[in-house]
PDB file of N, CA and C in Angstrom:
ATOM      1  N   MET A   1      -2.076 -15.162   9.251  1.00  0.00           N
ATOM      2  CA  MET A   1      -1.415 -15.329   7.943  1.00  0.00           C
ATOM      3  C   MET A   1      -1.872 -13.503   7.505  1.00  0.00           C
ATOM      4  N   LEU A   2      -0.834 -13.514   6.970  1.00  0.00           N
ATOM      5  CA  LEU A   2      -0.620 -12.089   6.532  1.00  0.00           C
ATOM      6  C   LEU A   2      -1.658 -11.922   4.807  1.00  0.00           C
ATOM      7  N   PRO A   3      -2.261 -10.665   4.942  1.00  0.00           N
ATOM      8  CA  PRO A   3      -2.787 -10.487   3.538  1.00  0.00           C
ATOM      9  C   PRO A   3      -1.998 -10.447   2.204  1.00  0.00           C
ATOM     10  N   GLU A   4      -2.197 -11.398   1.249  1.00  0.00           N
ATOM     11  CA  GLU A   4      -1.162 -11.119   0.094  1.00  0.00           C
ATOM     12  C   GLU A   4      -1.657 -10.094  -0.690  1.00  0.00           C
ATOM     13  N   ALA A   5      -0.279  -9.473  -1.321  1.00  0.00           N
ATOM     14  CA  ALA A   5      -0.763  -8.465  -2.481  1.00  0.00           C
ATOM     15  C   ALA A   5       0.666  -8.355  -3.150  1.00  0.00           C
ATOM     16  N   THR A   6       0.530  -7.474  -4.078  1.00  0.00           N
ATOM     17  CA  THR A   6       1.592  -7.222  -5.440  1.00  0.00           C
ATOM     18  C   THR A   6       2.578  -6.415  -4.596  1.00  0.00           C
ATOM     19  N   VAL A   7       3.971  -6.852  -4.785  1.00  0.00           N
ATOM     20  CA  VAL A   7       5.053  -5.771  -4.299  1.00  0.00           C
ATOM     21  C   VAL A   7       5.693  -5.561  -5.845  1.00  0.00           C
ATOM     22  N   ARG A   8       5.616  -4.337  -5.810  1.00  0.00           N
ATOM     23  CA  ARG A   8       6.675  -4.009  -7.173  1.00  0.00           C
ATOM     24  C   ARG A   8       7.796  -3.736  -6.861  1.00  0.00           C
ATOM     25  N   SER A   9       8.611  -4.225  -7.658  1.00  0.00           N
ATOM     26  CA  SER A   9      10.214  -3.870  -7.707  1.00  0.00           C
ATOM     27  C   SER A   9      10.657  -3.658  -9.384  1.00  0.00           C
ATOM     28  N   GLY A  10      11.030  -2.278  -9.338  1.00  0.00           N
ATOM     29  CA  GLY A  10      11.401  -2.026 -10.809  1.00  0.00           C
ATOM     30  C   GLY A  10       9.976  -2.275 -11.625  1.00  0.00           C
ATOM     31  N   THR A  11      10.480  -3.003 -12.839  1.00  0.00           N
ATOM     32  CA  THR A  11       9.168  -3.686 -13.435  1.00  0.00           C
ATOM     33  C   THR A  11       8.844  -4.882 -13.373  1.00  0.00           C
ATOM     34  N   GLN A  12       9.239  -5.451 -12.201  1.00  0.00           N
ATOM     35  CA  GLN A  12       8.901  -6.877 -11.674  1.00  0.00           C
ATOM     36  C   GLN A  12       8.022  -6.971 -10.766  1.00  0.00           C
ATOM     37  N   GLN A  13       6.944  -7.892 -10.529  1.00  0.00           N
ATOM     38  CA  GLN A  13       5.774  -7.983 -10.046  1.00  0.00           C
ATOM     39  C   GLN A  13       6.063  -9.094  -9.197  1.00  0.00           C
ATOM     40  N   VAL A  14       6.033  -9.409  -7.819  1.00  0.00           N
ATOM     41  CA  VAL A  14       5.962 -10.608  -7.358  1.00  0.00           C
ATOM     42  C   VAL A  14       4.717 -10.732  -6.221  1.00  0.00           C
ATOM     43  N   GLU A  15       4.165 -11.513  -5.849  1.00  0.00           N
ATOM     44  CA  GLU A  15       3.626 -11.988  -4.806  1.00  0.00           C
ATOM     45  C   GLU A  15       4.206 -12.081  -3.370  1.00  0.00           C
ATOM     46  N   ALA A  16       3.775 -11.554  -2.462  1.00  0.00           N
ATOM     47  CA  ALA A  16       4.587 -11.526  -1.537  1.00  0.00           C
ATOM     48  C   ALA A  16       3.637 -11.327  -0.195  1.00  0.00           C
ATOM     49  N   GLY A  17       3.978 -11.611   0.945  1.00  0.00           N
ATOM     50  CA  GLY A  17       3.020 -10.953   2.110  1.00  0.00           C
ATOM     51  C   GLY A  17       3.147  -9.353   2.228  1.00  0.00           C
ATOM     52  N   MET A  18       2.111  -8.735   2.599  1.00  0.00           N
ATOM     53  CA  MET A  18       2.178  -7.097   2.654  1.00  0.00           C
ATOM     54  C   MET A  18       3.124  -6.519   3.723  1.00  0.00           C
ATOM     55  N   ILE A  19       4.475  -6.398   2.955  1.00  0.00           N
ATOM     56  CA  ILE A  19       5.363  -5.971   4.434  1.00  0.00           C
ATOM     57  C   ILE A  19       5.564  -4.342   3.822  1.00  0.00           C
ATOM     58  N   ALA A  20       5.637  -3.425   4.388  1.00  0.00           N
ATOM     59  CA  ALA A  20       6.009  -1.761   3.999  1.00  0.00           C
ATOM     60  C   ALA A  20       6.915  -1.223   5.147  1.00  0.00           C
ATOM     61  N   GLN A  21       7.279  -0.156   4.165  1.00  0.00           N
ATOM     62  CA  GLN A  21       8.481   0.855   5.132  1.00  0.00           C
ATOM     63  C   GLN A  21       7.732   2.405   4.924  1.00  0.00           C
ATOM     64  N   VAL A  22       8.085   3.118   5.943  1.00  0.00           N
ATOM     65  CA  VAL A  22       7.310   4.538   6.012  1.00  0.00           C
ATOM     66  C   VAL A  22       8.004   5.001   4.463  1.00  0.00           C
ATOM     67  N   GLY A  23       7.258   5.821   3.707  1.00  0.00           N
ATOM     68  CA  GLY A  23       7.517   6.425   2.645  1.00  0.00           C
ATOM     69  C   GLY A  23       7.105   5.633   1.306  1.00  0.00           C
ATOM     70  N   ASP A  24       6.786   4.260   1.630  1.00  0.00           N
ATOM     71  CA  ASP A  24       6.296   3.485   0.548  1.00  0.00           C
ATOM     72  C   ASP A  24       5.040   4.529   0.085  1.00  0.00           C
ATOM     73  N   ARG A  25       4.493   3.940  -1.346  1.00  0.00           N
ATOM     74  CA  ARG A  25       3.075   4.278  -1.737  1.00  0.00           C
ATOM     75  C   ARG A  25       2.159   3.308  -1.633  1.00  0.00           C
ATOM     76  N   LEU A  26       1.307   3.586  -1.251  1.00  0.00           N
ATOM     77  CA  LEU A  26      -0.034   2.363  -1.130  1.00  0.00           C
ATOM     78  C   LEU A  26      -1.119   2.486  -1.852  1.00  0.00           C
ATOM     79  N   VAL A  27      -1.124   1.887  -3.425  1.00  0.00           N
ATOM     80  CA  VAL A  27      -2.013   1.900  -4.160  1.00  0.00           C
ATOM     81  C   VAL A  27      -3.195   1.168  -4.205  1.00  0.00           C
ATOM     82  N   VAL A  28      -4.252   1.825  -4.029  1.00  0.00           N
ATOM     83  CA  VAL A  28      -5.719   0.666  -3.944  1.00  0.00           C
ATOM     84  C   VAL A  28      -6.415   1.271  -5.480  1.00  0.00           C
ATOM     85  N   LYS A  29      -6.324  -0.111  -6.292  1.00  0.00           N
ATOM     86  CA  LYS A  29      -7.182  -0.059  -7.625  1.00  0.00           C
ATOM     87  C   LYS A  29      -8.634   0.147  -7.208  1.00  0.00           C
ATOM     88  N   GLY A  30      -9.195   0.998  -8.369  1.00  0.00           N
ATOM     89  CA  GLY A  30     -10.490   1.419  -8.380  1.00  0.00           C
ATOM     90  C   GLY A  30     -11.345   0.179  -8.640  1.00  0.00           C
ATOM     91  N   LYS A  31     -12.754   0.288  -7.920  1.00  0.00           N
ATOM     92  CA  LYS A  31     -13.616  -1.239  -7.893  1.00  0.00           C
ATOM     93  C   LYS A  31     -14.234  -1.146  -8.760  1.00  0.00           C
ATOM     94  N   HIS A  32     -15.030   0.054  -9.400  1.00  0.00           N
ATOM     95  CA  HIS A  32     -15.597  -0.255 -10.508  1.00  0.00           C
ATOM     96  C   HIS A  32     -14.735   0.549 -11.885  1.00  0.00           C
ATOM     97  N   VAL A  33     -15.545   0.297 -12.710  1.00  0.00           N
ATOM     98  CA  VAL A  33     -15.272   0.839 -14.234  1.00  0.00           C
ATOM     99  C   VAL A  33     -15.286   2.247 -14.265  1.00  0.00           C
ATOM    100  N   GLY A  34     -14.356   2.716 -14.633  1.00  0.00           N
ATOM    101  CA  GLY A  34     -13.947   4.329 -14.557  1.00  0.00           C
ATOM    102  C   GLY A  34     -13.266   4.864 -13.141  1.00  0.00           C
ATOM    103  N   ASP A  35     -13.318   4.004 -11.967  1.00  0.00           N
ATOM    104  CA  ASP A  35     -12.591   4.289 -10.871  1.00  0.00           C
ATOM    105  C   ASP A  35     -11.316   4.411 -11.233  1.00  0.00           C
ATOM    106  N   GLY A  36     -10.794   5.668 -10.527  1.00  0.00           N
ATOM    107  CA  GLY A  36      -9.372   5.515 -10.536  1.00  0.00           C
ATOM    108  C   GLY A  36      -8.547   4.898  -9.318  1.00  0.00           C
ATOM    109  N   ASN A  37      -7.599   4.769  -9.390  1.00  0.00           N
ATOM    110  CA  ASN A  37      -6.572   4.222  -8.079  1.00  0.00           C
ATOM    111  C   ASN A  37      -6.682   5.223  -7.165  1.00  0.00           C
ATOM    112  N   LYS A  38      -6.498   5.095  -6.084  1.00  0.00           N
ATOM    113  CA  LYS A  38      -6.128   5.903  -4.648  1.00  0.00           C
ATOM    114  C   LYS A  38      -4.937   5.668  -4.323  1.00  0.00           C
ATOM    115  N   VAL A  39      -4.145   6.778  -4.231  1.00  0.00           N
ATOM    116  CA  VAL A  39      -2.511   6.612  -3.788  1.00  0.00           C
ATOM    117  C   VAL A  39      -2.190   7.333  -2.374  1.00  0.00           C
ATOM    118  N   GLY A  40      -1.629   6.989  -1.711  1.00  0.00           N
ATOM    119  CA  GLY A  40      -1.210   7.276  -0.578  1.00  0.00           C
ATOM    120  C   GLY A  40       0.206   7.289  -0.248  1.00  0.00           C
ATOM    121  N   VAL A  41       0.607   7.886   0.957  1.00  0.00           N
ATOM    122  CA  VAL A  41       2.033   7.539   1.111  1.00  0.00           C
ATOM    123  C   VAL A  41       1.991   7.319   2.658  1.00  0.00           C
ATOM    124  N   ILE A  42       2.534   5.914   2.762  1.00  0.00           N
ATOM    125  CA  ILE A  42       2.592   5.418   4.134  1.00  0.00           C
ATOM    126  C   ILE A  42       3.528   6.203   5.417  1.00  0.00           C
ATOM    127  N   THR A  43       3.029   6.832   6.081  1.00  0.00           N
ATOM    128  CA  THR A  43       3.599   7.800   7.090  1.00  0.00           C
ATOM    129  C   THR A  43       3.987   6.900   8.615  1.00  0.00           C
ATOM    130  N   ARG A  44       3.284   5.943   8.960  1.00  0.00           N
ATOM    131  CA  ARG A  44       3.433   5.283  10.031  1.00  0.00           C
ATOM    132  C   ARG A  44       2.999   3.799  10.231  1.00  0.00           C
ATOM    133  N   LEU A  45       4.029   2.957  10.628  1.00  0.00           N
ATOM    134  CA  LEU A  45       3.669   1.614  10.549  1.00  0.00           C
ATOM    135  C   LEU A  45       3.064   0.957  11.953  1.00  0.00           C
ATOM    136  N   ARG A  46       2.352   0.533  12.164  1.00  0.00           N
ATOM    137  CA  ARG A  46       1.916   0.099  13.858  1.00  0.00           C
ATOM    138  C   ARG A  46       2.468  -1.376  14.166  1.00  0.00           C
ATOM    139  N   HIS A  47       3.467  -2.080  13.493  1.00  0.00           N
ATOM    140  CA  HIS A  47       4.211  -2.945  14.065  1.00  0.00           C
ATOM    141  C   HIS A  47       5.440  -2.873  13.001  1.00  0.00           C
ATOM    142  N   GLU A  48       6.484  -3.315  13.763  1.00  0.00           N
ATOM    143  CA  GLU A  48       7.839  -3.191  13.514  1.00  0.00           C
ATOM    144  C   GLU A  48       8.392  -4.054  12.230  1.00  0.00           C
ATOM    145  N   ASP A  49       7.538  -5.336  12.169  1.00  0.00           N
ATOM    146  CA  ASP A  49       7.793  -5.892  11.093  1.00  0.00           C
ATOM    147  C   ASP A  49       7.375  -5.182   9.670  1.00  0.00           C
ATOM    148  N   GLY A  50       6.620  -4.296   9.879  1.00  0.00           N
ATOM    149  CA  GLY A  50       6.216  -3.752   8.509  1.00  0.00           C
ATOM    150  C   GLY A  50       4.681  -4.178   7.986  1.00  0.00           C
ATOM    151  N   SER A  51       4.040  -5.013   8.900  1.00  0.00           N
ATOM    152  CA  SER A  51       2.841  -5.725   8.727  1.00  0.00           C
ATOM    153  C   SER A  51       1.567  -4.564   8.808  1.00  0.00           C
ATOM    154  N   PRO A  52       0.743  -4.842   8.242  1.00  0.00           N
ATOM    155  CA  PRO A  52      -0.563  -4.024   8.122  1.00  0.00           C
ATOM    156  C   PRO A  52      -1.058  -3.901   9.771  1.00  0.00           C
ATOM    157  N   PRO A  53      -1.996  -3.002  10.058  1.00  0.00           N
ATOM    158  CA  PRO A  53      -2.361  -1.784   9.225  1.00  0.00           C
ATOM    159  C   PRO A  53      -1.277  -0.815   9.258  1.00  0.00           C
ATOM    160  N   TYR A  54      -1.595   0.186   8.622  1.00  0.00           N
ATOM    161  CA  TYR A  54      -0.693   1.531   7.840  1.00  0.00           C
ATOM    162  C   TYR A  54      -1.025   2.620   8.251  1.00  0.00           C
ATOM    163  N   GLU A  55      -0.496   3.675   8.760  1.00  0.00           N
ATOM    164  CA  GLU A  55      -1.249   5.055   8.578  1.00  0.00           C
ATOM    165  C   GLU A  55      -1.042   5.680   7.357  1.00  0.00           C
ATOM    166  N   VAL A  56      -1.845   5.912   6.421  1.00  0.00           N
ATOM    167  CA  VAL A  56      -1.178   6.635   5.523  1.00  0.00           C
ATOM    168  C   VAL A  56      -1.756   7.809   4.998  1.00  0.00           C
ATOM    169  N   ARG A  57      -1.168   8.858   4.222  1.00  0.00           N
ATOM    170  CA  ARG A  57      -1.678  10.258   3.785  1.00  0.00           C
ATOM    171  C   ARG A  57      -1.939  10.180   2.300  1.00  0.00           C
ATOM    172  N   TRP A  58      -3.425  10.354   1.923  1.00  0.00           N
ATOM    173  CA  TRP A  58      -3.590  10.164   0.694  1.00  0.00           C
ATOM    174  C   TRP A  58      -3.386  11.636   0.033  1.00  0.00           C
ATOM    175  N   GLU A  59      -3.568  11.182  -1.372  1.00  0.00           N
ATOM    176  CA  GLU A  59      -3.052  12.357  -2.198  1.00  0.00           C
ATOM    177  C   GLU A  59      -4.062  13.689  -2.025  1.00  0.00           C
ATOM    178  N   ASP A  60      -5.227  13.534  -1.567  1.00  0.00           N
ATOM    179  CA  ASP A  60      -6.094  14.627  -1.222  1.00  0.00           C
ATOM    180  C   ASP A  60      -6.026  15.107   0.151  1.00  0.00           C
ATOM    181  N   GLY A  61      -4.863  14.737   1.028  1.00  0.00           N
ATOM    182  CA  GLY A  61      -4.303  15.428   2.079  1.00  0.00           C
ATOM    183  C   GLY A  61      -4.631  14.844   3.236  1.00  0.00           C
ATOM    184  N   HIS A  62      -6.124  14.015   3.273  1.00  0.00           N
ATOM    185  CA  HIS A  62      -6.422  13.274   4.611  1.00  0.00           C
ATOM    186  C   HIS A  62      -5.689  12.478   4.985  1.00  0.00           C
ATOM    187  N   THR A  63      -5.489  11.758   5.849  1.00  0.00           N
ATOM    188  CA  THR A  63      -5.046  10.577   6.806  1.00  0.00           C
ATOM    189  C   THR A  63      -5.789   9.516   7.170  1.00  0.00           C
ATOM    190  N   GLY A  64      -5.200   8.680   7.343  1.00  0.00           N
ATOM    191  CA  GLY A  64      -6.246   7.207   7.862  1.00  0.00           C
ATOM    192  C   GLY A  64      -5.312   5.960   7.968  1.00  0.00           C
ATOM    193  N   LEU A  65      -6.079   5.274   8.856  1.00  0.00           N
ATOM    194  CA  LEU A  65      -5.652   3.583   9.496  1.00  0.00           C
ATOM    195  C   LEU A  65      -6.197   2.877   8.215  1.00  0.00           C
ATOM    196  N   ILE A  66      -5.559   2.430   7.511  1.00  0.00           N
ATOM    197  CA  ILE A  66      -5.834   1.092   6.788  1.00  0.00           C
ATOM    198  C   ILE A  66      -5.315  -0.118   7.043  1.00  0.00           C
ATOM    199  N   PHE A  67      -6.474  -1.285   6.645  1.00  0.00           N
ATOM    200  CA  PHE A  67      -5.937  -2.558   6.801  1.00  0.00           C
ATOM    201  C   PHE A  67      -6.078  -3.152   5.232  1.00  0.00           C
ATOM    202  N   PRO A  68      -5.344  -2.862   4.356  1.00  0.00           N
ATOM    203  CA  PRO A  68      -4.756  -3.141   3.055  1.00  0.00           C
ATOM    204  C   PRO A  68      -5.763  -4.584   2.695  1.00  0.00           C
ATOM    205  N   GLY A  69      -6.180  -4.791   1.544  1.00  0.00           N
ATOM    206  CA  GLY A  69      -7.123  -6.109   1.012  1.00  0.00           C
ATOM    207  C   GLY A  69      -6.508  -6.653  -0.254  1.00  0.00           C
ATOM    208  N   PRO A  70      -6.754  -7.157  -0.889  1.00  0.00           N
ATOM    209  CA  PRO A  70      -6.352  -7.763  -2.123  1.00  0.00           C
ATOM    210  C   PRO A  70      -6.120  -7.214  -3.382  1.00  0.00           C
ATOM    211  N   GLU A  71      -7.122  -5.676  -3.315  1.00  0.00           N
ATOM    212  CA  GLU A  71      -7.060  -4.642  -4.739  1.00  0.00           C
ATOM    213  C   GLU A  71      -5.764  -3.864  -4.380  1.00  0.00           C
ATOM    214  N   THR A  72      -4.867  -4.251  -3.210  1.00  0.00           N
ATOM    215  CA  THR A  72      -4.208  -2.903  -3.043  1.00  0.00           C
ATOM    216  C   THR A  72      -2.657  -3.605  -3.341  1.00  0.00           C
ATOM    217  N   HIS A  73      -1.625  -2.848  -3.511  1.00  0.00           N
ATOM    218  CA  HIS A  73      -0.299  -2.976  -3.533  1.00  0.00           C
ATOM    219  C   HIS A  73       0.725  -2.086  -3.276  1.00  0.00           C
ATOM    220  N   ILE A  74       2.017  -2.475  -2.765  1.00  0.00           N
ATOM    221  CA  ILE A  74       2.940  -1.287  -2.460  1.00  0.00           C
ATOM    222  C   ILE A  74       3.889  -1.060  -3.646  1.00  0.00           C
ATOM    223  N   VAL A  75       4.006   0.300  -3.708  1.00  0.00           N
ATOM    224  CA  VAL A  75       5.438   0.661  -4.580  1.00  0.00           C
ATOM    225  C   VAL A  75       6.450   1.415  -3.464  1.00  0.00           C
ATOM    226  N   ARG A  76       7.783   0.505  -3.598  1.00  0.00           N
ATOM    227  CA  ARG A  76       8.798   0.914  -2.370  1.00  0.00           C
ATOM    228  C   ARG A  76       8.978   2.484  -2.862  1.00  0.00           C
ATOM    229  N   GLU A  77       9.429   3.067  -2.059  1.00  0.00           N
ATOM    230  CA  GLU A  77      10.221   4.281  -2.221  1.00  0.00           C
ATOM    231  C   GLU A  77      11.335   4.676  -2.890  1.00  0.00           C
ATOM    232  N   GLY A  78      11.374   5.412  -3.825  1.00  0.00           N
ATOM    233  CA  GLY A  78      12.356   5.594  -4.871  1.00  0.00           C
ATOM    234  C   GLY A  78      11.912   4.702  -6.313  1.00  0.00           C
ATOM    235  N   GLU A  79      10.708   3.948  -6.329  1.00  0.00           N
ATOM    236  CA  GLU A  79      10.602   3.175  -7.805  1.00  0.00           C
ATOM    237  C   GLU A  79       9.615   3.571  -8.442  1.00  0.00           C
TER     238      GLU A  79
END
């Protein structure tokens, strides 16, 4: 079973299995009061169906592999 996440479509948010495309933004909510969100761009998929894990280039320029958790959602490219 794939991890659940919020996928934003315009102003609508729906719960769905986490499926991404290259170019989508991955947003990880801060875990503590005062923490900001961490935002990155998905640069490579490990699975053709768009399921995790994802290679992400973060705002600070570093890249990494992530298995998104429940505090993570996807913002589609162009939204």
